[in-house]
C-alpha cells in the first residue's frame, strides 16, 4: 500500500467460524452495518474506502489473510458502472445465450474498460 493505490480490500478467511467466537468483520455502510464470518477458504472483497472493523475474538483463534488490490480503473464510479454492465451482460447471456444484444453489450464493456483503464 505504501507505494500504490488500494482500490479494493479483501479478507480471506483461513479459520472455520466454529473454531472461534467473536471476530466478525463488520462493514459499515451509510445506513447499516453487516457482520461477516465466512468459512475457511472464502473471501470477501470490498471497496477500500468502506469503513470496517473486526470485533474482538473472545475464544479460539481467528486466522485471515488480508490484502489490497489496485484496479485498472482509478475511478470508483466507473468501476461500479462496468460492474453493473457486466452483471447485466452475463444475466442476458444466461437467459438468452449469445445474441446481437449480448455482443453489443460485450463490445461496449470492453471498449469502456480499454478507454478508462490504466
PDB file of N, CA and C in Angstrom:
ATOM      1  N   UNK A   1       0.811  -1.199   0.000  1.00  0.00           N
ATOM      2  CA  UNK A   1       0.000   0.000   0.000  1.00  0.00           C
ATOM      3  C   UNK A   1       0.855   1.264   0.000  1.00  0.00           C
ATOM      4  N   UNK A   2       2.058   1.198   0.530  1.00  0.00           N
ATOM      5  CA  UNK A   2       2.865   2.409   0.673  1.00  0.00           C
ATOM      6  C   UNK A   2       3.206   3.040  -0.669  1.00  0.00           C
ATOM      7  N   UNK A   3       3.362   2.231  -1.695  1.00  0.00           N
ATOM      8  CA  UNK A   3       3.799   2.765  -2.977  1.00  0.00           C
ATOM      9  C   UNK A   3       2.706   2.744  -4.032  1.00  0.00           C
ATOM     10  N   UNK A   4       1.525   2.309  -3.695  1.00  0.00           N
ATOM     11  CA  UNK A   4       0.483   2.204  -4.698  1.00  0.00           C
ATOM     12  C   UNK A   4      -0.859   2.657  -4.177  1.00  0.00           C
ATOM     13  N   UNK A   5      -1.823   2.501  -5.008  1.00  0.00           N
ATOM     14  CA  UNK A   5      -3.194   2.872  -4.685  1.00  0.00           C
ATOM     15  C   UNK A   5      -3.928   1.597  -4.298  1.00  0.00           C
ATOM     16  N   UNK A   6      -4.753   1.644  -3.281  1.00  0.00           N
ATOM     17  CA  UNK A   6      -5.562   0.473  -2.946  1.00  0.00           C
ATOM     18  C   UNK A   6      -7.024   0.822  -3.183  1.00  0.00           C
ATOM     19  N   UNK A   7      -7.592   0.231  -4.216  1.00  0.00           N
ATOM     20  CA  UNK A   7      -8.980   0.491  -4.573  1.00  0.00           C
ATOM     21  C   UNK A   7      -9.923  -0.507  -3.916  1.00  0.00           C
ATOM     22  N   UNK A   8      -9.460  -1.728  -3.799  1.00  0.00           N
ATOM     23  CA  UNK A   8     -10.265  -2.793  -3.208  1.00  0.00           C
ATOM     24  C   UNK A   8      -9.465  -3.463  -2.099  1.00  0.00           C
ATOM     25  N   UNK A   9     -10.168  -3.912  -1.080  1.00  0.00           N
ATOM     26  CA  UNK A   9      -9.559  -4.674   0.008  1.00  0.00           C
ATOM     27  C   UNK A   9     -10.188  -6.053   0.015  1.00  0.00           C
ATOM     28  N   UNK A  10      -9.449  -7.029   0.536  1.00  0.00           N
ATOM     29  CA  UNK A  10     -10.048  -8.360   0.674  1.00  0.00           C
ATOM     30  C   UNK A  10      -9.635  -8.983   1.991  1.00  0.00           C
ATOM     31  N   UNK A  11     -10.501  -9.851   2.461  1.00  0.00           N
ATOM     32  CA  UNK A  11     -10.221 -10.680   3.634  1.00  0.00           C
ATOM     33  C   UNK A  11     -10.488 -12.121   3.239  1.00  0.00           C
ATOM     34  N   UNK A  12      -9.469 -12.944   3.293  1.00  0.00           N
ATOM     35  CA  UNK A  12      -9.574 -14.379   3.034  1.00  0.00           C
ATOM     36  C   UNK A  12      -9.601 -15.080   4.389  1.00  0.00           C
ATOM     37  N   UNK A  13     -10.675 -15.760   4.661  1.00  0.00           N
ATOM     38  CA  UNK A  13     -10.832 -16.437   5.948  1.00  0.00           C
ATOM     39  C   UNK A  13     -10.101 -17.773   5.908  1.00  0.00           C
ATOM     40  N   UNK A  14      -9.239 -18.010   6.903  1.00  0.00           N
ATOM     41  CA  UNK A  14      -8.448 -19.240   6.986  1.00  0.00           C
ATOM     42  C   UNK A  14      -8.949 -20.181   8.071  1.00  0.00           C
ATOM     43  N   UNK A  15      -9.717 -19.663   9.023  1.00  0.00           N
ATOM     44  CA  UNK A  15     -10.264 -20.473  10.119  1.00  0.00           C
ATOM     45  C   UNK A  15     -11.747 -20.701   9.888  1.00  0.00           C
ATOM     46  N   UNK A  16     -12.221 -21.861  10.265  1.00  0.00           N
ATOM     47  CA  UNK A  16     -13.664 -22.108  10.244  1.00  0.00           C
ATOM     48  C   UNK A  16     -14.322 -21.262  11.334  1.00  0.00           C
ATOM     49  N   UNK A  17     -15.499 -20.707  11.070  1.00  0.00           N
ATOM     50  CA  UNK A  17     -16.156 -19.869  12.080  1.00  0.00           C
ATOM     51  C   UNK A  17     -16.450 -20.613  13.375  1.00  0.00           C
ATOM     52  N   UNK A  18     -16.561 -21.927  13.320  1.00  0.00           N
ATOM     53  CA  UNK A  18     -16.841 -22.695  14.539  1.00  0.00           C
ATOM     54  C   UNK A  18     -15.616 -22.808  15.449  1.00  0.00           C
ATOM     55  N   UNK A  19     -14.431 -22.430  14.936  1.00  0.00           N
ATOM     56  CA  UNK A  19     -13.211 -22.572  15.740  1.00  0.00           C
ATOM     57  C   UNK A  19     -12.906 -21.348  16.601  1.00  0.00           C
ATOM     58  N   UNK A  20     -13.734 -20.320  16.505  1.00  0.00           N
ATOM     59  CA  UNK A  20     -13.527 -19.128  17.325  1.00  0.00           C
ATOM     60  C   UNK A  20     -14.855 -18.424  17.561  1.00  0.00           C
ATOM     61  N   UNK A  21     -14.879 -17.620  18.605  1.00  0.00           N
ATOM     62  CA  UNK A  21     -16.065 -16.818  18.928  1.00  0.00           C
ATOM     63  C   UNK A  21     -15.716 -15.352  18.740  1.00  0.00           C
ATOM     64  N   UNK A  22     -16.704 -14.562  18.283  1.00  0.00           N
ATOM     65  CA  UNK A  22     -16.455 -13.146  18.001  1.00  0.00           C
ATOM     66  C   UNK A  22     -15.699 -13.021  16.696  1.00  0.00           C
ATOM     67  N   UNK A  23     -14.936 -11.933  16.553  1.00  0.00           N
ATOM     68  CA  UNK A  23     -14.058 -11.774  15.409  1.00  0.00           C
ATOM     69  C   UNK A  23     -14.722 -11.502  14.074  1.00  0.00           C
ATOM     70  N   UNK A  24     -15.972 -11.069  14.085  1.00  0.00           N
ATOM     71  CA  UNK A  24     -16.643 -10.778  12.818  1.00  0.00           C
ATOM     72  C   UNK A  24     -16.027  -9.549  12.166  1.00  0.00           C
ATOM     73  N   UNK A  25     -15.908  -9.583  10.859  1.00  0.00           N
ATOM     74  CA  UNK A  25     -15.547  -8.410  10.078  1.00  0.00           C
ATOM     75  C   UNK A  25     -16.827  -7.602   9.909  1.00  0.00           C
ATOM     76  N   UNK A  26     -16.829  -6.369  10.384  1.00  0.00           N
ATOM     77  CA  UNK A  26     -18.026  -5.532  10.319  1.00  0.00           C
ATOM     78  C   UNK A  26     -17.805  -4.445   9.282  1.00  0.00           C
ATOM     79  N   UNK A  27     -18.627  -4.475   8.230  1.00  0.00           N
ATOM     80  CA  UNK A  27     -18.568  -3.466   7.177  1.00  0.00           C
ATOM     81  C   UNK A  27     -19.589  -2.398   7.499  1.00  0.00           C
ATOM     82  N   UNK A  28     -19.163  -1.154   7.491  1.00  0.00           N
ATOM     83  CA  UNK A  28     -20.030  -0.036   7.882  1.00  0.00           C
ATOM     84  C   UNK A  28     -20.534   0.692   6.636  1.00  0.00           C
ATOM     85  N   UNK A  29     -21.836   0.580   6.395  1.00  0.00           N
ATOM     86  CA  UNK A  29     -22.491   1.268   5.295  1.00  0.00           C
ATOM     87  C   UNK A  29     -23.155   2.531   5.838  1.00  0.00           C
ATOM     88  N   UNK A  30     -23.535   3.478   4.977  1.00  0.00           N
ATOM     89  CA  UNK A  30     -24.129   4.724   5.475  1.00  0.00           C
ATOM     90  C   UNK A  30     -25.340   4.521   6.383  1.00  0.00           C
ATOM     91  N   UNK A  31     -26.153   3.500   6.103  1.00  0.00           N
ATOM     92  CA  UNK A  31     -27.376   3.325   6.893  1.00  0.00           C
ATOM     93  C   UNK A  31     -27.441   1.995   7.636  1.00  0.00           C
ATOM     94  N   UNK A  32     -26.346   1.217   7.606  1.00  0.00           N
ATOM     95  CA  UNK A  32     -26.376  -0.077   8.287  1.00  0.00           C
ATOM     96  C   UNK A  32     -24.959  -0.628   8.428  1.00  0.00           C
ATOM     97  N   UNK A  33     -24.870  -1.732   9.126  1.00  0.00           N
ATOM     98  CA  UNK A  33     -23.623  -2.478   9.269  1.00  0.00           C
ATOM     99  C   UNK A  33     -23.906  -3.927   8.904  1.00  0.00           C
ATOM    100  N   UNK A  34     -22.879  -4.591   8.391  1.00  0.00           N
ATOM    101  CA  UNK A  34     -23.008  -6.012   8.084  1.00  0.00           C
ATOM    102  C   UNK A  34     -21.836  -6.751   8.701  1.00  0.00           C
ATOM    103  N   UNK A  35     -22.141  -7.730   9.561  1.00  0.00           N
ATOM    104  CA  UNK A  35     -21.112  -8.552  10.191  1.00  0.00           C
ATOM    105  C   UNK A  35     -20.887  -9.785   9.313  1.00  0.00           C
ATOM    106  N   UNK A  36     -19.617 -10.074   9.033  1.00  0.00           N
ATOM    107  CA  UNK A  36     -19.265 -11.161   8.126  1.00  0.00           C
ATOM    108  C   UNK A  36     -18.349 -12.141   8.841  1.00  0.00           C
ATOM    109  N   UNK A  37     -18.745 -13.411   8.823  1.00  0.00           N
ATOM    110  CA  UNK A  37     -17.926 -14.526   9.312  1.00  0.00           C
ATOM    111  C   UNK A  37     -18.077 -15.640   8.289  1.00  0.00           C
ATOM    112  N   UNK A  38     -17.067 -15.816   7.459  1.00  0.00           N
ATOM    113  CA  UNK A  38     -17.149 -16.794   6.384  1.00  0.00           C
ATOM    114  C   UNK A  38     -16.344 -18.039   6.716  1.00  0.00           C
ATOM    115  N   UNK A  39     -16.578 -19.088   5.950  1.00  0.00           N
ATOM    116  CA  UNK A  39     -15.860 -20.336   6.143  1.00  0.00           C
ATOM    117  C   UNK A  39     -14.430 -20.264   5.644  1.00  0.00           C
ATOM    118  N   UNK A  40     -13.608 -21.204   6.087  1.00  0.00           N
ATOM    119  CA  UNK A  40     -12.213 -21.262   5.655  1.00  0.00           C
ATOM    120  C   UNK A  40     -12.170 -21.390   4.133  1.00  0.00           C
ATOM    121  N   UNK A  41     -11.359 -20.553   3.519  1.00  0.00           N
ATOM    122  CA  UNK A  41     -11.232 -20.555   2.065  1.00  0.00           C
ATOM    123  C   UNK A  41     -12.140 -19.566   1.364  1.00  0.00           C
ATOM    124  N   UNK A  42     -13.087 -18.983   2.087  1.00  0.00           N
ATOM    125  CA  UNK A  42     -13.976 -17.984   1.496  1.00  0.00           C
ATOM    126  C   UNK A  42     -13.332 -16.604   1.613  1.00  0.00           C
ATOM    127  N   UNK A  43     -13.638 -15.751   0.649  1.00  0.00           N
ATOM    128  CA  UNK A  43     -13.051 -14.415   0.613  1.00  0.00           C
ATOM    129  C   UNK A  43     -14.143 -13.381   0.373  1.00  0.00           C
ATOM    130  N   UNK A  44     -13.974 -12.222   0.942  1.00  0.00           N
ATOM    131  CA  UNK A  44     -14.862 -11.094   0.677  1.00  0.00           C
ATOM    132  C   UNK A  44     -13.999  -9.947   0.160  1.00  0.00           C
ATOM    133  N   UNK A  45     -14.488  -9.296  -0.889  1.00  0.00           N
ATOM    134  CA  UNK A  45     -13.806  -8.154  -1.490  1.00  0.00           C
ATOM    135  C   UNK A  45     -14.717  -6.947  -1.329  1.00  0.00           C
ATOM    136  N   UNK A  46     -14.150  -5.818  -0.915  1.00  0.00           N
ATOM    137  CA  UNK A  46     -14.960  -4.624  -0.663  1.00  0.00           C
ATOM    138  C   UNK A  46     -14.128  -3.380  -0.986  1.00  0.00           C
ATOM    139  N   UNK A  47     -14.796  -2.266  -1.281  1.00  0.00           N
ATOM    140  CA  UNK A  47     -14.051  -1.041  -1.570  1.00  0.00           C
ATOM    141  C   UNK A  47     -13.178  -0.641  -0.387  1.00  0.00           C
ATOM    142  N   UNK A  48     -11.962  -0.240  -0.667  1.00  0.00           N
ATOM    143  CA  UNK A  48     -11.044   0.156   0.406  1.00  0.00           C
ATOM    144  C   UNK A  48     -11.530   1.387   1.160  1.00  0.00           C
ATOM    145  N   UNK A  49     -12.389   2.159   0.539  1.00  0.00           N
ATOM    146  CA  UNK A  49     -12.919   3.360   1.198  1.00  0.00           C
ATOM    147  C   UNK A  49     -14.017   3.033   2.209  1.00  0.00           C
ATOM    148  N   UNK A  50     -14.499   1.807   2.211  1.00  0.00           N
ATOM    149  CA  UNK A  50     -15.569   1.409   3.125  1.00  0.00           C
ATOM    150  C   UNK A  50     -15.002   1.244   4.538  1.00  0.00           C
ATOM    151  N   UNK A  51     -15.571   1.955   5.496  1.00  0.00           N
ATOM    152  CA  UNK A  51     -15.127   1.796   6.878  1.00  0.00           C
ATOM    153  C   UNK A  51     -15.455   0.387   7.349  1.00  0.00           C
ATOM    154  N   UNK A  52     -14.529  -0.191   8.102  1.00  0.00           N
ATOM    155  CA  UNK A  52     -14.745  -1.538   8.618  1.00  0.00           C
ATOM    156  C   UNK A  52     -13.926  -1.716   9.891  1.00  0.00           C
ATOM    157  N   UNK A  53     -14.291  -2.770  10.609  1.00  0.00           N
ATOM    158  CA  UNK A  53     -13.572  -3.098  11.837  1.00  0.00           C
ATOM    159  C   UNK A  53     -13.730  -4.598  12.079  1.00  0.00           C
ATOM    160  N   UNK A  54     -12.956  -5.111  13.010  1.00  0.00           N
ATOM    161  CA  UNK A  54     -13.067  -6.510  13.407  1.00  0.00           C
ATOM    162  C   UNK A  54     -13.447  -6.543  14.878  1.00  0.00           C
ATOM    163  N   UNK A  55     -14.507  -7.270  15.188  1.00  0.00           N
ATOM    164  CA  UNK A  55     -14.921  -7.423  16.583  1.00  0.00           C
ATOM    165  C   UNK A  55     -13.883  -8.254  17.325  1.00  0.00           C
ATOM    166  N   UNK A  56     -13.736  -8.044  18.611  1.00  0.00           N
ATOM    167  CA  UNK A  56     -12.760  -8.826  19.379  1.00  0.00           C
ATOM    168  C   UNK A  56     -13.062 -10.320  19.329  1.00  0.00           C
ATOM    169  N   UNK A  57     -12.021 -11.121  19.263  1.00  0.00           N
ATOM    170  CA  UNK A  57     -12.145 -12.576  19.353  1.00  0.00           C
ATOM    171  C   UNK A  57     -12.204 -12.916  20.829  1.00  0.00           C
ATOM    172  N   UNK A  58     -13.267 -13.581  21.250  1.00  0.00           N
ATOM    173  CA  UNK A  58     -13.447 -13.887  22.668  1.00  0.00           C
ATOM    174  C   UNK A  58     -13.033 -15.306  23.025  1.00  0.00           C
ATOM    175  N   UNK A  59     -12.885 -16.160  22.008  1.00  0.00           N
ATOM    176  CA  UNK A  59     -12.474 -17.542  22.262  1.00  0.00           C
ATOM    177  C   UNK A  59     -11.929 -18.133  20.969  1.00  0.00           C
ATOM    178  N   UNK A  60     -10.847 -18.914  21.074  1.00  0.00           N
ATOM    179  CA  UNK A  60     -10.262 -19.541  19.895  1.00  0.00           C
ATOM    180  C   UNK A  60      -9.316 -18.605  19.161  1.00  0.00           C
ATOM    181  N   UNK A  61      -9.056 -18.944  17.908  1.00  0.00           N
ATOM    182  CA  UNK A  61      -8.119 -18.164  17.107  1.00  0.00           C
ATOM    183  C   UNK A  61      -8.715 -17.905  15.728  1.00  0.00           C
ATOM    184  N   UNK A  62      -8.721 -16.648  15.336  1.00  0.00           N
ATOM    185  CA  UNK A  62      -9.229 -16.223  14.026  1.00  0.00           C
ATOM    186  C   UNK A  62      -8.028 -15.963  13.128  1.00  0.00           C
ATOM    187  N   UNK A  63      -7.893 -16.760  12.073  1.00  0.00           N
ATOM    188  CA  UNK A  63      -6.817 -16.566  11.119  1.00  0.00           C
ATOM    189  C   UNK A  63      -7.404 -16.085   9.800  1.00  0.00           C
ATOM    190  N   UNK A  64      -6.838 -15.001   9.276  1.00  0.00           N
ATOM    191  CA  UNK A  64      -7.260 -14.459   7.988  1.00  0.00           C
ATOM    192  C   UNK A  64      -6.030 -13.976   7.237  1.00  0.00           C
ATOM    193  N   UNK A  65      -6.210 -13.788   5.957  1.00  0.00           N
ATOM    194  CA  UNK A  65      -5.207 -13.129   5.122  1.00  0.00           C
ATOM    195  C   UNK A  65      -5.891 -11.894   4.545  1.00  0.00           C
ATOM    196  N   UNK A  66      -5.284 -10.739   4.727  1.00  0.00           N
ATOM    197  CA  UNK A  66      -5.855  -9.507   4.190  1.00  0.00           C
ATOM    198  C   UNK A  66      -4.933  -8.967   3.107  1.00  0.00           C
ATOM    199  N   UNK A  67      -5.519  -8.253   2.170  1.00  0.00           N
ATOM    200  CA  UNK A  67      -4.713  -7.678   1.106  1.00  0.00           C
ATOM    201  C   UNK A  67      -5.468  -6.574   0.404  1.00  0.00           C
ATOM    202  N   UNK A  68      -4.773  -5.960  -0.522  1.00  0.00           N
ATOM    203  CA  UNK A  68      -5.326  -4.817  -1.235  1.00  0.00           C
ATOM    204  C   UNK A  68      -5.069  -4.993  -2.716  1.00  0.00           C
ATOM    205  N   UNK A  69      -5.978  -4.449  -3.509  1.00  0.00           N
ATOM    206  CA  UNK A  69      -5.926  -4.594  -4.962  1.00  0.00           C
ATOM    207  C   UNK A  69      -5.997  -3.205  -5.589  1.00  0.00           C
ATOM    208  N   UNK A  70      -5.123  -2.986  -6.553  1.00  0.00           N
ATOM    209  CA  UNK A  70      -5.205  -1.760  -7.341  1.00  0.00           C
ATOM    210  C   UNK A  70      -5.918  -2.115  -8.632  1.00  0.00           C
ATOM    211  N   UNK A  71      -7.069  -1.527  -8.833  1.00  0.00           N
ATOM    212  CA  UNK A  71      -7.876  -1.778 -10.019  1.00  0.00           C
ATOM    213  C   UNK A  71      -7.251  -1.112 -11.237  1.00  0.00           C
ATOM    214  N   UNK A  72      -7.576  -1.628 -12.410  1.00  0.00           N
ATOM    215  CA  UNK A  72      -7.177  -0.951 -13.650  1.00  0.00           C
ATOM    216  C   UNK A  72      -7.911   0.376 -13.784  1.00  0.00           C
ATOM    217  N   UNK A  73      -9.023   0.499 -13.056  1.00  0.00           N
ATOM    218  CA  UNK A  73      -9.823   1.722 -13.112  1.00  0.00           C
ATOM    219  C   UNK A  73      -9.653   2.497 -11.818  1.00  0.00           C
ATOM    220  N   UNK A  74      -9.129   3.692 -11.914  1.00  0.00           N
ATOM    221  CA  UNK A  74      -8.917   4.522 -10.732  1.00  0.00           C
ATOM    222  C   UNK A  74     -10.242   5.004 -10.151  1.00  0.00           C
ATOM    223  N   UNK A  75     -11.207   5.320 -10.999  1.00  0.00           N
ATOM    224  CA  UNK A  75     -12.453   5.954 -10.593  1.00  0.00           C
ATOM    225  C   UNK A  75     -13.473   4.916 -10.106  1.00  0.00           C
ATOM    226  N   UNK A  76     -13.941   5.068  -8.861  1.00  0.00           N
ATOM    227  CA  UNK A  76     -14.884   4.104  -8.278  1.00  0.00           C
ATOM    228  C   UNK A  76     -16.219   4.082  -9.011  1.00  0.00           C
ATOM    229  N   UNK A  77     -16.679   5.243  -9.486  1.00  0.00           N
ATOM    230  CA  UNK A  77     -17.955   5.282 -10.204  1.00  0.00           C
ATOM    231  C   UNK A  77     -17.854   4.524 -11.519  1.00  0.00           C
ATOM    232  N   UNK A  78     -16.720   4.628 -12.192  1.00  0.00           N
ATOM    233  CA  UNK A  78     -16.522   3.871 -13.429  1.00  0.00           C
ATOM    234  C   UNK A  78     -16.479   2.375 -13.147  1.00  0.00           C
ATOM    235  N   UNK A  79     -15.815   1.982 -12.055  1.00  0.00           N
ATOM    236  CA  UNK A  79     -15.788   0.562 -11.683  1.00  0.00           C
ATOM    237  C   UNK A  79     -17.190   0.051 -11.439  1.00  0.00           C
ATOM    238  N   UNK A  80     -18.004   0.845 -10.738  1.00  0.00           N
ATOM    239  CA  UNK A  80     -19.379   0.422 -10.441  1.00  0.00           C
ATOM    240  C   UNK A  80     -20.206   0.302 -11.714  1.00  0.00           C
ATOM    241  N   UNK A  81     -20.077   1.261 -12.615  1.00  0.00           N
ATOM    242  CA  UNK A  81     -20.818   1.193 -13.879  1.00  0.00           C
ATOM    243  C   UNK A  81     -20.430  -0.040 -14.686  1.00  0.00           C
ATOM    244  N   UNK A  82     -19.133  -0.325 -14.766  1.00  0.00           N
ATOM    245  CA  UNK A  82     -18.698  -1.501 -15.513  1.00  0.00           C
ATOM    246  C   UNK A  82     -19.144  -2.787 -14.835  1.00  0.00           C
ATOM    247  N   UNK A  83     -19.158  -2.815 -13.512  1.00  0.00           N
ATOM    248  CA  UNK A  83     -19.644  -3.993 -12.798  1.00  0.00           C
ATOM    249  C   UNK A  83     -21.117  -4.237 -13.125  1.00  0.00           C
ATOM    250  N   UNK A  84     -21.923  -3.168 -13.104  1.00  0.00           N
ATOM    251  CA  UNK A  84     -23.344  -3.307 -13.406  1.00  0.00           C
ATOM    252  C   UNK A  84     -23.570  -3.721 -14.856  1.00  0.00           C
ATOM    253  N   UNK A  85     -22.815  -3.140 -15.779  1.00  0.00           N
ATOM    254  CA  UNK A  85     -22.929  -3.504 -17.183  1.00  0.00           C
ATOM    255  C   UNK A  85     -22.548  -4.962 -17.395  1.00  0.00           C
ATOM    256  N   UNK A  86     -21.475  -5.407 -16.758  1.00  0.00           N
ATOM    257  CA  UNK A  86     -21.051  -6.796 -16.891  1.00  0.00           C
ATOM    258  C   UNK A  86     -22.058  -7.749 -16.258  1.00  0.00           C
ATOM    259  N   UNK A  87     -22.645  -7.359 -15.130  1.00  0.00           N
ATOM    260  CA  UNK A  87     -23.660  -8.193 -14.491  1.00  0.00           C
ATOM    261  C   UNK A  87     -24.868  -8.361 -15.412  1.00  0.00           C
ATOM    262  N   UNK A  88     -25.326  -7.265 -16.009  1.00  0.00           N
ATOM    263  CA  UNK A  88     -26.461  -7.326 -16.940  1.00  0.00           C
ATOM    264  C   UNK A  88     -26.108  -8.182 -18.158  1.00  0.00           C
ATOM    265  N   UNK A  89     -24.906  -8.017 -18.657  1.00  0.00           N
ATOM    266  CA  UNK A  89     -24.443  -8.779 -19.825  1.00  0.00           C
ATOM    267  C   UNK A  89     -24.444 -10.285 -19.529  1.00  0.00           C
ATOM    268  N   UNK A  90     -23.935 -10.659 -18.378  1.00  0.00           N
ATOM    269  CA  UNK A  90     -23.883 -12.075 -18.002  1.00  0.00           C
ATOM    270  C   UNK A  90     -25.287 -12.652 -17.773  1.00  0.00           C
ATOM    271  N   UNK A  91     -26.172 -11.863 -17.160  1.00  0.00           N
ATOM    272  CA  UNK A  91     -27.547 -12.332 -16.953  1.00  0.00           C
ATOM    273  C   UNK A  91     -28.253 -12.533 -18.279  1.00  0.00           C
ATOM    274  N   UNK A  92     -28.053 -11.615 -19.208  1.00  0.00           N
ATOM    275  CA  UNK A  92     -28.642 -11.755 -20.539  1.00  0.00           C
ATOM    276  C   UNK A  92     -28.148 -13.029 -21.212  1.00  0.00           C
ATOM    277  N   UNK A  93     -26.850 -13.286 -21.112  1.00  0.00           N
ATOM    278  CA  UNK A  93     -26.286 -14.495 -21.720  1.00  0.00           C
ATOM    279  C   UNK A  93     -26.881 -15.754 -21.090  1.00  0.00           C
ATOM    280  N   UNK A  94     -27.035 -15.759 -19.771  1.00  0.00           N
ATOM    281  CA  UNK A  94     -27.575 -16.951 -19.101  1.00  0.00           C
ATOM    282  C   UNK A  94     -29.036 -17.193 -19.467  1.00  0.00           C
ATOM    283  N   UNK A  95     -29.775 -16.137 -19.799  1.00  0.00           N
ATOM    284  CA  UNK A  95     -31.184 -16.276 -20.156  1.00  0.00           C
ATOM    285  C   UNK A  95     -31.391 -16.559 -21.638  1.00  0.00           C
ATOM    286  N   UNK A  96     -30.570 -15.917 -22.499  1.00  0.00           N
ATOM    287  CA  UNK A  96     -30.833 -15.990 -23.932  1.00  0.00           C
ATOM    288  C   UNK A  96     -29.665 -16.524 -24.751  1.00  0.00           C
ATOM    289  N   UNK A  97     -28.518 -16.729 -24.131  1.00  0.00           N
ATOM    290  CA  UNK A  97     -27.360 -17.180 -24.888  1.00  0.00           C
ATOM    291  C   UNK A  97     -26.749 -16.043 -25.690  1.00  0.00           C
ATOM    292  N   UNK A  98     -25.852 -16.418 -26.585  1.00  0.00           N
ATOM    293  CA  UNK A  98     -25.165 -15.417 -27.415  1.00  0.00           C
ATOM    294  C   UNK A  98     -26.156 -14.816 -28.407  1.00  0.00           C
ATOM    295  N   UNK A  99     -26.133 -13.481 -28.465  1.00  0.00           N
ATOM    296  CA  UNK A  99     -27.054 -12.781 -29.362  1.00  0.00           C
ATOM    297  C   UNK A  99     -26.395 -11.480 -29.815  1.00  0.00           C
ATOM    298  N   UNK A 100     -27.039 -10.772 -30.714  1.00  0.00           N
ATOM    299  CA  UNK A 100     -26.516  -9.481 -31.162  1.00  0.00           C
ATOM    300  C   UNK A 100     -26.468  -8.483 -30.003  1.00  0.00           C
ATOM    301  N   UNK A 101     -27.488  -8.502 -29.145  1.00  0.00           N
ATOM    302  CA  UNK A 101     -27.519  -7.587 -27.997  1.00  0.00           C
ATOM    303  C   UNK A 101     -26.385  -7.924 -27.022  1.00  0.00           C
ATOM    304  N   UNK A 102     -26.173  -9.227 -26.777  1.00  0.00           N
ATOM    305  CA  UNK A 102     -25.072  -9.648 -25.909  1.00  0.00           C
ATOM    306  C   UNK A 102     -23.746  -9.165 -26.479  1.00  0.00           C
ATOM    307  N   UNK A 103     -23.543  -9.344 -27.793  1.00  0.00           N
ATOM    308  CA  UNK A 103     -22.299  -8.898 -28.422  1.00  0.00           C
ATOM    309  C   UNK A 103     -22.124  -7.388 -28.317  1.00  0.00           C
ATOM    310  N   UNK A 104     -23.199  -6.623 -28.488  1.00  0.00           N
ATOM    311  CA  UNK A 104     -23.133  -5.164 -28.372  1.00  0.00           C
ATOM    312  C   UNK A 104     -22.736  -4.758 -26.952  1.00  0.00           C
ATOM    313  N   UNK A 105     -23.366  -5.385 -25.959  1.00  0.00           N
ATOM    314  CA  UNK A 105     -23.007  -5.090 -24.566  1.00  0.00           C
ATOM    315  C   UNK A 105     -21.560  -5.475 -24.278  1.00  0.00           C
ATOM    316  N   UNK A 106     -21.127  -6.597 -24.814  1.00  0.00           N
ATOM    317  CA  UNK A 106     -19.747  -7.053 -24.599  1.00  0.00           C
ATOM    318  C   UNK A 106     -18.747  -6.089 -25.212  1.00  0.00           C
ATOM    319  N   UNK A 107     -19.027  -5.621 -26.427  1.00  0.00           N
ATOM    320  CA  UNK A 107     -18.135  -4.647 -27.062  1.00  0.00           C
ATOM    321  C   UNK A 107     -18.105  -3.343 -26.268  1.00  0.00           C
ATOM    322  N   UNK A 108     -19.270  -2.884 -25.820  1.00  0.00           N
ATOM    323  CA  UNK A 108     -19.322  -1.646 -25.034  1.00  0.00           C
ATOM    324  C   UNK A 108     -18.534  -1.794 -23.740  1.00  0.00           C
ATOM    325  N   UNK A 109     -18.706  -2.906 -23.050  1.00  0.00           N
ATOM    326  CA  UNK A 109     -17.979  -3.173 -21.807  1.00  0.00           C
ATOM    327  C   UNK A 109     -16.466  -3.144 -22.064  1.00  0.00           C
ATOM    328  N   UNK A 110     -16.028  -3.869 -23.083  1.00  0.00           N
ATOM    329  CA  UNK A 110     -14.604  -3.963 -23.395  1.00  0.00           C
ATOM    330  C   UNK A 110     -14.033  -2.606 -23.803  1.00  0.00           C
ATOM    331  N   UNK A 111     -14.770  -1.863 -24.611  1.00  0.00           N
ATOM    332  CA  UNK A 111     -14.279  -0.553 -25.052  1.00  0.00           C
ATOM    333  C   UNK A 111     -14.201   0.444 -23.904  1.00  0.00           C
ATOM    334  N   UNK A 112     -15.183   0.423 -22.999  1.00  0.00           N
ATOM    335  CA  UNK A 112     -15.119   1.309 -21.832  1.00  0.00           C
ATOM    336  C   UNK A 112     -13.948   0.932 -20.928  1.00  0.00           C
ATOM    337  N   UNK A 113     -13.739  -0.353 -20.723  1.00  0.00           N
ATOM    338  CA  UNK A 113     -12.614  -0.805 -19.912  1.00  0.00           C
ATOM    339  C   UNK A 113     -11.296  -0.349 -20.541  1.00  0.00           C
ATOM    340  N   UNK A 114     -11.176  -0.458 -21.838  1.00  0.00           N
ATOM    341  CA  UNK A 114      -9.970  -0.032 -22.541  1.00  0.00           C
ATOM    342  C   UNK A 114      -9.801   1.490 -22.444  1.00  0.00           C
ATOM    343  N   UNK A 115     -10.920   2.246 -22.595  1.00  0.00           N
ATOM    344  CA  UNK A 115     -10.858   3.697 -22.593  1.00  0.00           C
ATOM    345  C   UNK A 115     -10.531   4.240 -21.190  1.00  0.00           C
ATOM    346  N   UNK A 116     -11.140   3.658 -20.146  1.00  0.00           N
ATOM    347  CA  UNK A 116     -10.983   4.165 -18.794  1.00  0.00           C
ATOM    348  C   UNK A 116      -9.793   3.559 -18.063  1.00  0.00           C
ATOM    349  N   UNK A 117      -9.328   2.400 -18.496  1.00  0.00           N
ATOM    350  CA  UNK A 117      -8.288   1.680 -17.771  1.00  0.00           C
ATOM    351  C   UNK A 117      -6.914   2.310 -17.882  1.00  0.00           C
ATOM    352  N   UNK A 118      -6.084   1.987 -16.923  1.00  0.00           N
ATOM    353  CA  UNK A 118      -4.700   2.469 -16.910  1.00  0.00           C
ATOM    354  C   UNK A 118      -3.776   1.393 -17.405  1.00  0.00           C
TER     355      UNK A 118
END
